[in-house]
């Protein structure tokens, strides 16, 4: 969808770079979602190149666009079955780095705020995070999972679920900075302090993370 694609650009800090590069080459940029998902609809608008951003499992838009012969680059997720160049995030390595950092701080009870079901980036981040915890002797079943969708409001909801639980984790990894910020807000509203009551880490390295109180620990 349009919202998902725009959010992906914003989440990874790609929008300013894309716009800057396009401006230098005097090329216009349009943001669109599945309403431009067929070759017949692509041709009339004069598209000279496409950048598919997002991590959802349904890549029908990307496959349809690729079949037109329009130059295309995938961002954030590989497009299976197509020989397309892709710019990928080190999701698995980043998730593992978060786990190592929290383990080094002495944490043994963990929580995880997920992305949308089937999201490639979330799946990879979870894989890196949980495999590192398992190697350290933390059972996967012991990690509390709070379901989110990468957006801030789902982070707030996850924080409220955390507050309602009797055995709270001491460290929580939210798989996007926006969810981590929402999670922090829910805890602040309940009178908890970070990191004294719970440590929180995010992913994406958005600029706003530096302006949280305290500044958000994140994967850049």
N, C-alpha and C. Protein backbone atom coordinates (compact mmCIF):
# COMPACT_ATOMS: atom_id res chain seq x y z
N UNK A 1 0.83 -1.19 0.00
CA UNK A 1 0.00 0.00 0.00
C UNK A 1 0.87 1.24 0.00
N UNK A 2 0.24 2.40 -0.31
CA UNK A 2 1.01 3.63 -0.33
C UNK A 2 1.60 3.93 1.04
N UNK A 3 0.79 3.75 2.11
CA UNK A 3 1.28 4.07 3.44
C UNK A 3 2.48 3.21 3.79
N UNK A 4 2.43 1.92 3.47
CA UNK A 4 3.53 1.02 3.80
C UNK A 4 4.80 1.41 3.06
N UNK A 5 4.67 1.73 1.77
CA UNK A 5 5.85 2.09 0.99
C UNK A 5 6.46 3.40 1.47
N UNK A 6 5.63 4.41 1.74
CA UNK A 6 6.13 5.68 2.23
C UNK A 6 6.79 5.49 3.59
N UNK A 7 6.14 4.68 4.46
CA UNK A 7 6.70 4.44 5.78
C UNK A 7 8.07 3.77 5.69
N UNK A 8 8.22 2.86 4.74
CA UNK A 8 9.51 2.19 4.58
C UNK A 8 10.59 3.18 4.20
N UNK A 9 10.27 4.09 3.28
CA UNK A 9 11.24 5.11 2.89
C UNK A 9 11.61 5.98 4.09
N UNK A 10 10.61 6.39 4.87
CA UNK A 10 10.87 7.24 6.01
C UNK A 10 11.64 6.49 7.09
N UNK A 11 11.27 5.20 7.29
CA UNK A 11 11.88 4.43 8.36
C UNK A 11 13.37 4.24 8.13
N UNK A 12 13.78 4.06 6.90
CA UNK A 12 15.19 3.83 6.61
C UNK A 12 15.93 5.11 6.24
N UNK A 13 15.27 6.26 6.31
CA UNK A 13 15.93 7.51 5.98
C UNK A 13 16.24 7.64 4.50
N UNK A 14 15.48 6.94 3.66
CA UNK A 14 15.77 6.95 2.22
C UNK A 14 15.16 8.13 1.50
N UNK A 15 14.05 8.65 2.01
CA UNK A 15 13.33 9.68 1.28
C UNK A 15 14.20 10.88 0.93
N UNK A 16 14.91 11.49 1.90
CA UNK A 16 15.72 12.65 1.54
C UNK A 16 16.77 12.33 0.48
N UNK A 17 17.36 11.14 0.55
CA UNK A 17 18.41 10.77 -0.40
C UNK A 17 17.84 10.55 -1.79
N UNK A 18 16.68 9.90 -1.85
CA UNK A 18 16.05 9.67 -3.15
C UNK A 18 15.68 11.00 -3.81
N UNK A 19 15.06 11.87 -3.02
CA UNK A 19 14.65 13.17 -3.56
C UNK A 19 15.85 14.01 -3.97
N UNK A 20 16.92 13.96 -3.18
CA UNK A 20 18.11 14.73 -3.50
C UNK A 20 18.74 14.24 -4.80
N UNK A 21 18.84 12.90 -4.93
CA UNK A 21 19.41 12.34 -6.14
C UNK A 21 18.57 12.64 -7.37
N UNK A 22 17.25 12.57 -7.21
CA UNK A 22 16.36 12.86 -8.33
C UNK A 22 16.46 14.32 -8.74
N UNK A 23 16.56 15.21 -7.74
CA UNK A 23 16.66 16.63 -8.04
C UNK A 23 17.94 16.95 -8.81
N UNK A 24 19.03 16.30 -8.44
CA UNK A 24 20.30 16.54 -9.13
C UNK A 24 20.25 16.12 -10.59
N UNK A 25 19.37 15.17 -10.88
CA UNK A 25 19.24 14.67 -12.26
C UNK A 25 18.00 15.21 -12.95
N UNK A 26 17.31 16.15 -12.29
CA UNK A 26 16.10 16.75 -12.83
C UNK A 26 15.06 15.70 -13.20
N UNK A 27 14.87 14.76 -12.27
CA UNK A 27 13.89 13.68 -12.44
C UNK A 27 12.83 13.82 -11.35
N UNK A 28 11.57 13.68 -11.73
CA UNK A 28 10.49 13.75 -10.76
C UNK A 28 10.34 12.43 -10.02
N UNK A 29 9.76 12.49 -8.82
CA UNK A 29 9.54 11.30 -8.00
C UNK A 29 8.08 11.26 -7.59
N UNK A 30 7.42 10.14 -7.86
CA UNK A 30 6.05 9.91 -7.40
C UNK A 30 6.06 8.74 -6.44
N UNK A 31 5.24 8.83 -5.40
CA UNK A 31 5.06 7.72 -4.46
C UNK A 31 3.71 7.08 -4.75
N UNK A 32 3.71 5.78 -4.93
CA UNK A 32 2.45 5.11 -5.21
C UNK A 32 2.48 3.70 -4.66
N UNK A 33 1.29 3.13 -4.57
CA UNK A 33 1.16 1.78 -4.06
C UNK A 33 0.58 0.87 -5.11
N UNK A 34 -0.34 0.02 -4.72
CA UNK A 34 -0.81 -1.04 -5.61
C UNK A 34 -1.73 -0.54 -6.73
N UNK A 35 -2.13 0.75 -6.71
CA UNK A 35 -2.97 1.21 -7.81
C UNK A 35 -2.16 1.39 -9.09
N UNK A 36 -0.84 1.23 -9.03
CA UNK A 36 0.01 1.22 -10.23
C UNK A 36 0.66 -0.16 -10.37
N UNK A 37 -0.09 -1.20 -10.06
CA UNK A 37 0.51 -2.52 -9.94
C UNK A 37 0.51 -3.33 -11.23
N UNK A 38 -0.06 -2.81 -12.32
CA UNK A 38 -0.10 -3.59 -13.54
C UNK A 38 0.67 -2.90 -14.65
N UNK A 39 1.24 -3.65 -15.57
CA UNK A 39 2.00 -3.05 -16.67
C UNK A 39 1.20 -2.04 -17.45
N UNK A 40 -0.12 -2.27 -17.68
CA UNK A 40 -0.94 -1.35 -18.46
C UNK A 40 -1.06 0.00 -17.77
N UNK A 41 -1.00 0.01 -16.45
CA UNK A 41 -1.14 1.26 -15.72
C UNK A 41 0.20 1.96 -15.55
N UNK A 42 1.28 1.22 -15.70
CA UNK A 42 2.60 1.84 -15.57
C UNK A 42 2.97 2.64 -16.81
N UNK A 43 2.67 2.07 -17.98
CA UNK A 43 3.14 2.68 -19.21
C UNK A 43 2.65 4.11 -19.44
N UNK A 44 1.36 4.43 -19.24
CA UNK A 44 0.89 5.77 -19.58
C UNK A 44 1.50 6.89 -18.75
N UNK A 45 1.99 6.59 -17.51
CA UNK A 45 2.46 7.67 -16.67
C UNK A 45 3.92 8.01 -16.94
N UNK A 46 4.55 7.36 -17.90
CA UNK A 46 5.91 7.71 -18.29
C UNK A 46 6.95 7.34 -17.26
N UNK A 47 6.79 6.22 -16.58
CA UNK A 47 7.76 5.80 -15.56
C UNK A 47 9.07 5.39 -16.22
N UNK A 48 10.19 5.94 -15.74
CA UNK A 48 11.50 5.57 -16.29
C UNK A 48 12.29 4.69 -15.33
N UNK A 49 11.80 4.52 -14.12
CA UNK A 49 12.48 3.66 -13.16
C UNK A 49 11.65 3.52 -11.90
N UNK A 50 11.81 2.39 -11.21
CA UNK A 50 11.03 2.12 -10.01
C UNK A 50 11.94 1.69 -8.88
N UNK A 51 11.54 2.09 -7.66
CA UNK A 51 12.23 1.65 -6.46
C UNK A 51 11.18 1.05 -5.55
N UNK A 52 11.22 -0.27 -5.36
CA UNK A 52 10.24 -0.97 -4.54
C UNK A 52 10.77 -1.07 -3.12
N UNK A 53 10.11 -0.39 -2.18
CA UNK A 53 10.55 -0.39 -0.79
C UNK A 53 9.49 -1.03 0.08
N UNK A 54 9.90 -1.94 0.93
CA UNK A 54 8.97 -2.58 1.85
C UNK A 54 9.39 -4.00 2.10
N UNK A 55 8.81 -4.61 3.14
CA UNK A 55 9.24 -5.94 3.51
C UNK A 55 8.14 -6.97 3.53
N UNK A 56 6.99 -6.66 2.93
CA UNK A 56 5.88 -7.60 2.97
C UNK A 56 6.09 -8.75 2.00
N UNK A 57 5.46 -9.87 2.32
CA UNK A 57 5.64 -11.06 1.51
C UNK A 57 4.99 -10.96 0.13
N UNK A 58 3.94 -10.11 -0.02
CA UNK A 58 3.26 -9.98 -1.30
C UNK A 58 4.03 -8.99 -2.17
N UNK A 59 4.77 -9.51 -3.14
CA UNK A 59 5.58 -8.67 -4.02
C UNK A 59 5.01 -8.66 -5.43
N UNK A 60 3.69 -8.78 -5.55
CA UNK A 60 3.08 -8.82 -6.87
C UNK A 60 3.31 -7.53 -7.63
N UNK A 61 3.33 -6.40 -6.92
CA UNK A 61 3.60 -5.12 -7.58
C UNK A 61 4.97 -5.13 -8.20
N UNK A 62 5.96 -5.59 -7.45
CA UNK A 62 7.33 -5.61 -7.95
C UNK A 62 7.46 -6.53 -9.15
N UNK A 63 6.83 -7.69 -9.08
CA UNK A 63 6.94 -8.65 -10.18
C UNK A 63 6.24 -8.10 -11.44
N UNK A 64 5.07 -7.47 -11.25
CA UNK A 64 4.36 -6.91 -12.39
C UNK A 64 5.15 -5.80 -13.03
N UNK A 65 5.76 -4.95 -12.20
CA UNK A 65 6.55 -3.84 -12.73
C UNK A 65 7.78 -4.36 -13.47
N UNK A 66 8.42 -5.38 -12.90
CA UNK A 66 9.62 -5.91 -13.53
C UNK A 66 9.31 -6.50 -14.90
N UNK A 67 8.10 -7.04 -15.07
CA UNK A 67 7.74 -7.66 -16.35
C UNK A 67 7.59 -6.64 -17.47
N UNK A 68 7.48 -5.35 -17.13
CA UNK A 68 7.35 -4.31 -18.15
C UNK A 68 8.68 -3.93 -18.76
N UNK A 69 9.77 -4.33 -18.11
CA UNK A 69 11.09 -3.93 -18.59
C UNK A 69 11.55 -2.60 -18.04
N UNK A 70 10.74 -1.94 -17.19
CA UNK A 70 11.15 -0.69 -16.57
C UNK A 70 12.28 -0.98 -15.58
N UNK A 71 13.38 -0.23 -15.62
CA UNK A 71 14.47 -0.45 -14.66
C UNK A 71 13.95 -0.37 -13.22
N UNK A 72 14.43 -1.29 -12.39
CA UNK A 72 13.87 -1.37 -11.05
C UNK A 72 14.92 -1.83 -10.06
N UNK A 73 14.85 -1.28 -8.85
CA UNK A 73 15.70 -1.68 -7.74
C UNK A 73 14.81 -2.00 -6.55
N UNK A 74 15.04 -3.13 -5.91
CA UNK A 74 14.31 -3.47 -4.69
C UNK A 74 15.08 -2.92 -3.49
N UNK A 75 14.35 -2.41 -2.51
CA UNK A 75 14.96 -1.86 -1.31
C UNK A 75 14.40 -2.56 -0.09
N UNK A 76 15.26 -3.15 0.69
CA UNK A 76 14.84 -3.75 1.96
C UNK A 76 14.44 -5.20 1.89
N UNK A 77 14.11 -5.70 0.70
CA UNK A 77 13.68 -7.10 0.57
C UNK A 77 13.99 -7.59 -0.83
N UNK A 78 14.59 -8.77 -0.97
CA UNK A 78 14.85 -9.31 -2.30
C UNK A 78 13.56 -9.76 -2.96
N UNK A 79 13.50 -9.68 -4.27
CA UNK A 79 12.33 -10.13 -5.03
C UNK A 79 12.66 -11.49 -5.63
N UNK A 80 12.08 -12.53 -5.05
CA UNK A 80 12.37 -13.88 -5.51
C UNK A 80 11.85 -14.10 -6.92
N UNK A 81 12.61 -14.85 -7.69
CA UNK A 81 12.19 -15.19 -9.03
C UNK A 81 12.51 -14.13 -10.06
N UNK A 82 13.15 -13.03 -9.63
CA UNK A 82 13.52 -11.97 -10.55
C UNK A 82 14.98 -11.60 -10.31
N UNK A 83 15.72 -11.42 -11.39
CA UNK A 83 17.11 -11.03 -11.30
C UNK A 83 17.18 -9.51 -11.17
N UNK A 84 16.80 -9.01 -9.98
CA UNK A 84 16.76 -7.57 -9.75
C UNK A 84 17.83 -7.17 -8.74
N UNK A 85 18.49 -6.04 -8.99
CA UNK A 85 19.41 -5.54 -7.96
C UNK A 85 18.62 -5.15 -6.71
N UNK A 86 19.22 -5.34 -5.55
CA UNK A 86 18.52 -5.03 -4.30
C UNK A 86 19.48 -4.39 -3.31
N UNK A 87 19.00 -3.38 -2.63
CA UNK A 87 19.73 -2.76 -1.54
C UNK A 87 19.10 -3.27 -0.25
N UNK A 88 19.85 -4.06 0.52
CA UNK A 88 19.28 -4.74 1.67
C UNK A 88 19.85 -4.20 2.98
N UNK A 89 19.04 -4.26 4.00
CA UNK A 89 19.44 -3.91 5.36
C UNK A 89 20.03 -5.16 6.01
N UNK A 90 21.02 -4.99 6.86
CA UNK A 90 21.60 -6.13 7.58
C UNK A 90 20.70 -6.45 8.78
N UNK A 91 19.49 -6.92 8.47
CA UNK A 91 18.50 -7.16 9.52
C UNK A 91 18.94 -8.21 10.52
N UNK A 92 19.39 -9.34 10.03
CA UNK A 92 19.76 -10.44 10.93
C UNK A 92 20.94 -10.04 11.81
N UNK A 93 21.94 -9.41 11.20
CA UNK A 93 23.11 -8.99 11.95
C UNK A 93 22.73 -7.93 12.99
N UNK A 94 21.81 -7.03 12.61
CA UNK A 94 21.37 -6.00 13.55
C UNK A 94 20.62 -6.59 14.73
N UNK A 95 19.74 -7.56 14.47
CA UNK A 95 19.03 -8.21 15.56
C UNK A 95 19.97 -8.91 16.52
N UNK A 96 21.00 -9.55 15.96
CA UNK A 96 22.00 -10.22 16.79
C UNK A 96 22.78 -9.21 17.63
N UNK A 97 23.08 -8.06 17.04
CA UNK A 97 23.83 -7.03 17.76
C UNK A 97 23.04 -6.50 18.95
N UNK A 98 21.72 -6.35 18.78
CA UNK A 98 20.87 -5.90 19.88
C UNK A 98 20.91 -6.92 21.01
N UNK A 99 20.78 -8.19 20.66
CA UNK A 99 20.79 -9.25 21.68
C UNK A 99 22.11 -9.25 22.44
N UNK A 100 23.22 -9.14 21.73
CA UNK A 100 24.53 -9.13 22.40
C UNK A 100 24.65 -7.93 23.34
N UNK A 101 24.19 -6.77 22.89
CA UNK A 101 24.26 -5.57 23.72
C UNK A 101 23.46 -5.74 25.00
N UNK A 102 22.24 -6.25 24.89
CA UNK A 102 21.40 -6.42 26.07
C UNK A 102 21.94 -7.50 27.00
N UNK A 103 22.51 -8.55 26.43
CA UNK A 103 23.13 -9.59 27.26
C UNK A 103 24.33 -9.04 28.02
N UNK A 104 25.10 -8.20 27.36
CA UNK A 104 26.27 -7.60 28.01
C UNK A 104 25.86 -6.69 29.16
N UNK A 105 24.66 -6.14 29.09
CA UNK A 105 24.15 -5.31 30.19
C UNK A 105 23.65 -6.15 31.35
N UNK A 106 23.63 -7.47 31.18
CA UNK A 106 23.23 -8.38 32.25
C UNK A 106 21.79 -8.84 32.21
N UNK A 107 21.07 -8.53 31.15
CA UNK A 107 19.65 -8.92 31.07
C UNK A 107 19.50 -10.41 30.77
N UNK A 108 18.44 -11.00 31.37
CA UNK A 108 18.13 -12.41 31.12
C UNK A 108 16.65 -12.62 30.81
N UNK A 109 15.83 -11.59 30.95
CA UNK A 109 14.41 -11.67 30.62
C UNK A 109 14.11 -10.66 29.52
N UNK A 110 13.62 -11.16 28.39
CA UNK A 110 13.52 -10.33 27.20
C UNK A 110 12.10 -10.28 26.63
N UNK A 111 11.83 -9.17 25.97
CA UNK A 111 10.61 -9.01 25.21
C UNK A 111 10.94 -8.57 23.79
N UNK A 112 10.01 -8.78 22.87
CA UNK A 112 10.22 -8.44 21.46
C UNK A 112 8.93 -7.90 20.88
N UNK A 113 8.99 -6.71 20.28
CA UNK A 113 7.83 -6.11 19.62
C UNK A 113 7.96 -6.38 18.13
N UNK A 114 7.05 -7.14 17.57
CA UNK A 114 7.16 -7.63 16.19
C UNK A 114 6.73 -6.58 15.17
N UNK A 115 7.09 -6.85 13.92
CA UNK A 115 6.52 -6.12 12.79
C UNK A 115 5.28 -6.85 12.30
N UNK A 116 4.76 -6.46 11.14
CA UNK A 116 3.56 -7.11 10.60
C UNK A 116 3.83 -8.58 10.28
N UNK A 117 2.81 -9.44 10.37
CA UNK A 117 3.00 -10.85 10.04
C UNK A 117 3.53 -11.02 8.61
N UNK A 118 4.53 -11.88 8.45
CA UNK A 118 5.07 -12.17 7.14
C UNK A 118 6.07 -11.15 6.63
N UNK A 119 6.37 -10.13 7.42
CA UNK A 119 7.31 -9.11 6.97
C UNK A 119 8.73 -9.66 6.94
N UNK A 120 9.41 -9.48 5.81
CA UNK A 120 10.76 -10.01 5.62
C UNK A 120 11.73 -9.44 6.64
N UNK A 121 11.71 -8.13 6.84
CA UNK A 121 12.66 -7.49 7.74
C UNK A 121 12.47 -7.95 9.18
N UNK A 122 11.22 -8.03 9.61
CA UNK A 122 10.93 -8.49 10.96
C UNK A 122 11.39 -9.94 11.15
N UNK A 123 11.14 -10.78 10.17
CA UNK A 123 11.55 -12.18 10.26
C UNK A 123 13.06 -12.31 10.42
N UNK A 124 13.79 -11.51 9.65
CA UNK A 124 15.26 -11.55 9.73
C UNK A 124 15.77 -11.00 11.06
N UNK A 125 15.18 -9.92 11.53
CA UNK A 125 15.62 -9.32 12.79
C UNK A 125 15.36 -10.27 13.96
N UNK A 126 14.19 -10.90 13.94
CA UNK A 126 13.88 -11.88 14.98
C UNK A 126 14.86 -13.05 14.93
N UNK A 127 15.18 -13.53 13.74
CA UNK A 127 16.09 -14.67 13.61
C UNK A 127 17.45 -14.35 14.22
N UNK A 128 17.99 -13.16 13.93
CA UNK A 128 19.28 -12.79 14.50
C UNK A 128 19.21 -12.61 16.00
N UNK A 129 18.13 -11.99 16.46
CA UNK A 129 17.94 -11.73 17.89
C UNK A 129 17.82 -13.03 18.68
N UNK A 130 16.90 -13.90 18.25
CA UNK A 130 16.62 -15.10 19.05
C UNK A 130 17.76 -16.11 18.97
N UNK A 131 18.43 -16.22 17.81
CA UNK A 131 19.53 -17.18 17.73
C UNK A 131 20.67 -16.80 18.67
N UNK A 132 20.90 -15.51 18.82
CA UNK A 132 21.95 -15.05 19.74
C UNK A 132 21.55 -15.31 21.19
N UNK A 133 20.27 -15.09 21.51
CA UNK A 133 19.80 -15.38 22.87
C UNK A 133 19.90 -16.88 23.17
N UNK A 134 19.52 -17.71 22.22
CA UNK A 134 19.57 -19.17 22.42
C UNK A 134 21.01 -19.61 22.65
N UNK A 135 21.93 -19.04 21.89
CA UNK A 135 23.34 -19.37 22.10
C UNK A 135 23.82 -19.02 23.51
N UNK A 136 23.17 -18.01 24.11
CA UNK A 136 23.53 -17.59 25.46
C UNK A 136 22.74 -18.33 26.53
N UNK A 137 21.94 -19.32 26.11
CA UNK A 137 21.19 -20.13 27.06
C UNK A 137 19.81 -19.62 27.39
N UNK A 138 19.30 -18.66 26.61
CA UNK A 138 17.95 -18.12 26.82
C UNK A 138 16.99 -18.86 25.90
N UNK A 139 15.99 -19.51 26.45
CA UNK A 139 15.04 -20.25 25.62
C UNK A 139 14.14 -19.32 24.82
N UNK A 140 13.88 -19.68 23.57
CA UNK A 140 13.02 -18.85 22.72
C UNK A 140 11.63 -18.70 23.31
N UNK A 141 11.15 -19.74 23.98
CA UNK A 141 9.79 -19.70 24.54
C UNK A 141 9.68 -18.71 25.71
N UNK A 142 10.81 -18.31 26.28
CA UNK A 142 10.78 -17.40 27.42
C UNK A 142 10.69 -15.94 27.00
N UNK A 143 10.88 -15.66 25.71
CA UNK A 143 10.84 -14.28 25.22
C UNK A 143 9.39 -13.85 25.00
N UNK A 144 8.98 -12.79 25.69
CA UNK A 144 7.62 -12.27 25.53
C UNK A 144 7.51 -11.57 24.19
N UNK A 145 6.48 -11.89 23.42
CA UNK A 145 6.29 -11.28 22.10
C UNK A 145 5.05 -10.39 22.14
N UNK A 146 5.23 -9.15 21.73
CA UNK A 146 4.16 -8.17 21.65
C UNK A 146 3.98 -7.82 20.18
N UNK A 147 2.77 -7.91 19.67
CA UNK A 147 2.55 -7.80 18.23
C UNK A 147 2.36 -6.34 17.81
N UNK A 148 3.09 -5.95 16.74
CA UNK A 148 3.04 -4.60 16.24
C UNK A 148 2.99 -4.57 14.73
N UNK A 149 3.11 -3.36 14.17
CA UNK A 149 3.04 -3.21 12.70
C UNK A 149 4.03 -2.16 12.18
N UNK A 150 5.05 -1.84 12.98
CA UNK A 150 6.09 -0.85 12.68
C UNK A 150 5.67 0.58 13.00
N UNK A 151 4.37 0.83 13.25
CA UNK A 151 3.91 2.19 13.49
C UNK A 151 3.84 2.48 14.99
N UNK A 152 3.91 3.77 15.31
CA UNK A 152 4.06 4.17 16.70
C UNK A 152 2.90 3.72 17.58
N UNK A 153 1.68 3.75 17.05
CA UNK A 153 0.53 3.38 17.88
C UNK A 153 0.58 1.93 18.32
N UNK A 154 1.16 1.07 17.49
CA UNK A 154 1.28 -0.34 17.89
C UNK A 154 2.34 -0.50 18.98
N UNK A 155 3.32 0.40 19.00
CA UNK A 155 4.29 0.39 20.08
C UNK A 155 3.66 0.79 21.41
N UNK A 156 2.75 1.76 21.36
CA UNK A 156 2.02 2.15 22.57
C UNK A 156 1.20 0.97 23.08
N UNK A 157 0.49 0.29 22.16
CA UNK A 157 -0.31 -0.87 22.55
C UNK A 157 0.57 -1.97 23.15
N UNK A 158 1.74 -2.20 22.55
CA UNK A 158 2.66 -3.21 23.08
C UNK A 158 3.12 -2.83 24.48
N UNK A 159 3.38 -1.53 24.69
CA UNK A 159 3.78 -1.08 26.02
C UNK A 159 2.71 -1.32 27.06
N UNK A 160 1.46 -1.15 26.66
CA UNK A 160 0.36 -1.39 27.61
C UNK A 160 0.22 -2.87 27.93
N UNK A 161 0.46 -3.73 26.93
CA UNK A 161 0.46 -5.18 27.20
C UNK A 161 1.60 -5.53 28.16
N UNK A 162 2.74 -4.91 27.96
CA UNK A 162 3.88 -5.12 28.86
C UNK A 162 3.50 -4.73 30.29
N UNK A 163 2.87 -3.58 30.44
CA UNK A 163 2.51 -3.10 31.78
C UNK A 163 1.49 -4.02 32.46
N UNK A 164 0.66 -4.68 31.66
CA UNK A 164 -0.38 -5.55 32.22
C UNK A 164 0.14 -6.92 32.61
N UNK A 165 1.36 -7.26 32.21
CA UNK A 165 1.89 -8.60 32.49
C UNK A 165 2.47 -8.66 33.90
N UNK A 166 2.38 -9.82 34.50
CA UNK A 166 2.86 -10.00 35.87
C UNK A 166 4.37 -10.19 35.94
N UNK A 167 4.93 -10.93 34.98
CA UNK A 167 6.37 -11.16 34.93
C UNK A 167 6.94 -10.38 33.74
N UNK A 168 7.38 -9.17 34.00
CA UNK A 168 7.82 -8.30 32.92
C UNK A 168 9.27 -8.58 32.53
N UNK A 169 9.56 -8.49 31.24
CA UNK A 169 10.96 -8.54 30.80
C UNK A 169 11.71 -7.33 31.35
N UNK A 170 13.02 -7.46 31.46
CA UNK A 170 13.84 -6.32 31.87
C UNK A 170 14.42 -5.60 30.67
N UNK A 171 14.31 -6.20 29.47
CA UNK A 171 14.81 -5.59 28.25
C UNK A 171 13.87 -5.93 27.10
N UNK A 172 13.56 -4.94 26.27
CA UNK A 172 12.64 -5.13 25.15
C UNK A 172 13.28 -4.61 23.88
N UNK A 173 13.21 -5.43 22.83
CA UNK A 173 13.69 -5.03 21.50
C UNK A 173 12.48 -4.82 20.62
N UNK A 174 12.27 -3.58 20.18
CA UNK A 174 11.21 -3.27 19.23
C UNK A 174 11.83 -3.22 17.85
N UNK A 175 11.22 -3.91 16.90
CA UNK A 175 11.85 -4.08 15.59
C UNK A 175 11.72 -2.86 14.68
N UNK A 176 11.25 -1.74 15.22
CA UNK A 176 11.34 -0.45 14.52
C UNK A 176 11.44 0.64 15.58
N UNK A 177 12.12 1.73 15.24
CA UNK A 177 12.25 2.85 16.18
C UNK A 177 10.90 3.45 16.53
N UNK A 178 10.00 3.54 15.56
CA UNK A 178 8.70 4.14 15.83
C UNK A 178 7.94 3.34 16.89
N UNK A 179 8.01 2.02 16.83
CA UNK A 179 7.35 1.21 17.85
C UNK A 179 8.06 1.37 19.19
N UNK A 180 9.39 1.45 19.17
CA UNK A 180 10.12 1.65 20.42
C UNK A 180 9.73 2.96 21.08
N UNK A 181 9.55 4.02 20.28
CA UNK A 181 9.15 5.32 20.81
C UNK A 181 7.75 5.24 21.41
N UNK A 182 6.84 4.55 20.73
CA UNK A 182 5.51 4.36 21.28
C UNK A 182 5.54 3.56 22.57
N UNK A 183 6.38 2.54 22.62
CA UNK A 183 6.53 1.71 23.81
C UNK A 183 7.03 2.58 24.97
N UNK A 184 8.02 3.42 24.70
CA UNK A 184 8.55 4.31 25.73
C UNK A 184 7.48 5.26 26.25
N UNK A 185 6.65 5.75 25.37
CA UNK A 185 5.59 6.67 25.80
C UNK A 185 4.64 5.99 26.78
N UNK A 186 4.25 4.75 26.48
CA UNK A 186 3.34 4.03 27.38
C UNK A 186 3.97 3.85 28.76
N UNK A 187 5.27 3.57 28.78
CA UNK A 187 5.95 3.38 30.06
C UNK A 187 6.09 4.69 30.82
N UNK A 188 6.40 5.77 30.11
CA UNK A 188 6.50 7.08 30.76
C UNK A 188 5.16 7.47 31.38
N UNK A 189 4.07 7.21 30.65
CA UNK A 189 2.75 7.57 31.16
C UNK A 189 2.40 6.78 32.42
N UNK A 190 2.99 5.58 32.55
CA UNK A 190 2.73 4.75 33.73
C UNK A 190 3.70 5.04 34.87
N UNK A 191 4.61 5.98 34.65
CA UNK A 191 5.54 6.35 35.72
C UNK A 191 6.81 5.54 35.78
N UNK A 192 7.06 4.69 34.78
CA UNK A 192 8.29 3.91 34.76
C UNK A 192 9.41 4.73 34.13
N UNK A 193 10.64 4.40 34.49
CA UNK A 193 11.79 5.10 33.93
C UNK A 193 12.64 4.14 33.11
N UNK A 194 13.28 4.70 32.09
CA UNK A 194 14.13 3.95 31.18
C UNK A 194 15.54 4.51 31.29
N UNK A 195 16.55 3.70 31.56
CA UNK A 195 16.55 2.22 31.60
C UNK A 195 16.44 1.62 33.00
N UNK A 196 16.11 2.42 34.02
CA UNK A 196 16.10 1.88 35.37
C UNK A 196 15.10 0.74 35.54
N UNK A 197 13.89 0.91 34.98
CA UNK A 197 12.87 -0.13 35.10
C UNK A 197 12.93 -1.15 33.97
N UNK A 198 13.28 -0.70 32.78
CA UNK A 198 13.39 -1.60 31.63
C UNK A 198 14.26 -0.93 30.58
N UNK A 199 15.09 -1.73 29.91
CA UNK A 199 15.89 -1.24 28.79
C UNK A 199 15.11 -1.46 27.49
N UNK A 200 15.20 -0.50 26.57
CA UNK A 200 14.49 -0.59 25.30
C UNK A 200 15.46 -0.29 24.17
N UNK A 201 15.38 -1.09 23.12
CA UNK A 201 16.19 -0.87 21.91
C UNK A 201 15.28 -0.91 20.70
N UNK A 202 15.61 -0.11 19.70
CA UNK A 202 14.86 -0.07 18.46
C UNK A 202 15.71 -0.48 17.27
N UNK A 203 15.20 -0.21 16.08
CA UNK A 203 15.90 -0.56 14.85
C UNK A 203 15.50 0.45 13.78
N UNK A 204 16.45 0.99 13.06
CA UNK A 204 16.29 1.88 11.91
C UNK A 204 17.17 3.11 12.00
N UNK A 205 17.46 3.56 13.22
CA UNK A 205 18.33 4.72 13.37
C UNK A 205 17.72 6.01 12.85
N UNK A 206 16.41 6.21 13.08
CA UNK A 206 15.79 7.45 12.60
C UNK A 206 16.31 8.63 13.42
N UNK A 207 16.30 9.80 12.82
CA UNK A 207 16.85 10.99 13.47
C UNK A 207 16.15 11.29 14.78
N UNK A 208 14.83 11.08 14.82
CA UNK A 208 14.05 11.42 16.01
C UNK A 208 14.47 10.61 17.23
N UNK A 209 15.12 9.47 17.02
CA UNK A 209 15.54 8.63 18.15
C UNK A 209 16.49 9.38 19.08
N UNK A 210 17.27 10.29 18.54
CA UNK A 210 18.23 11.04 19.35
C UNK A 210 17.55 12.05 20.25
N UNK A 211 16.28 12.37 19.97
CA UNK A 211 15.58 13.39 20.73
C UNK A 211 14.60 12.80 21.74
N UNK A 212 14.59 11.48 21.87
CA UNK A 212 13.78 10.85 22.91
C UNK A 212 14.43 11.11 24.26
N UNK A 213 13.68 10.86 25.33
CA UNK A 213 14.22 11.01 26.68
C UNK A 213 14.02 9.72 27.46
N UNK A 214 15.07 8.93 27.67
CA UNK A 214 16.45 9.17 27.20
C UNK A 214 16.56 8.86 25.71
N UNK A 215 17.68 9.25 25.07
CA UNK A 215 17.87 8.91 23.65
C UNK A 215 17.72 7.41 23.44
N UNK A 216 17.06 7.04 22.35
CA UNK A 216 16.76 5.63 22.09
C UNK A 216 17.99 4.89 21.60
N UNK A 217 18.29 3.75 22.20
CA UNK A 217 19.31 2.85 21.68
C UNK A 217 18.74 2.19 20.43
N UNK A 218 19.46 2.27 19.33
CA UNK A 218 18.92 1.78 18.05
C UNK A 218 20.01 1.24 17.16
N UNK A 219 19.61 0.43 16.18
CA UNK A 219 20.51 -0.08 15.16
C UNK A 219 20.45 0.88 13.98
N UNK A 220 21.57 1.44 13.61
CA UNK A 220 21.62 2.40 12.48
C UNK A 220 22.14 1.71 11.23
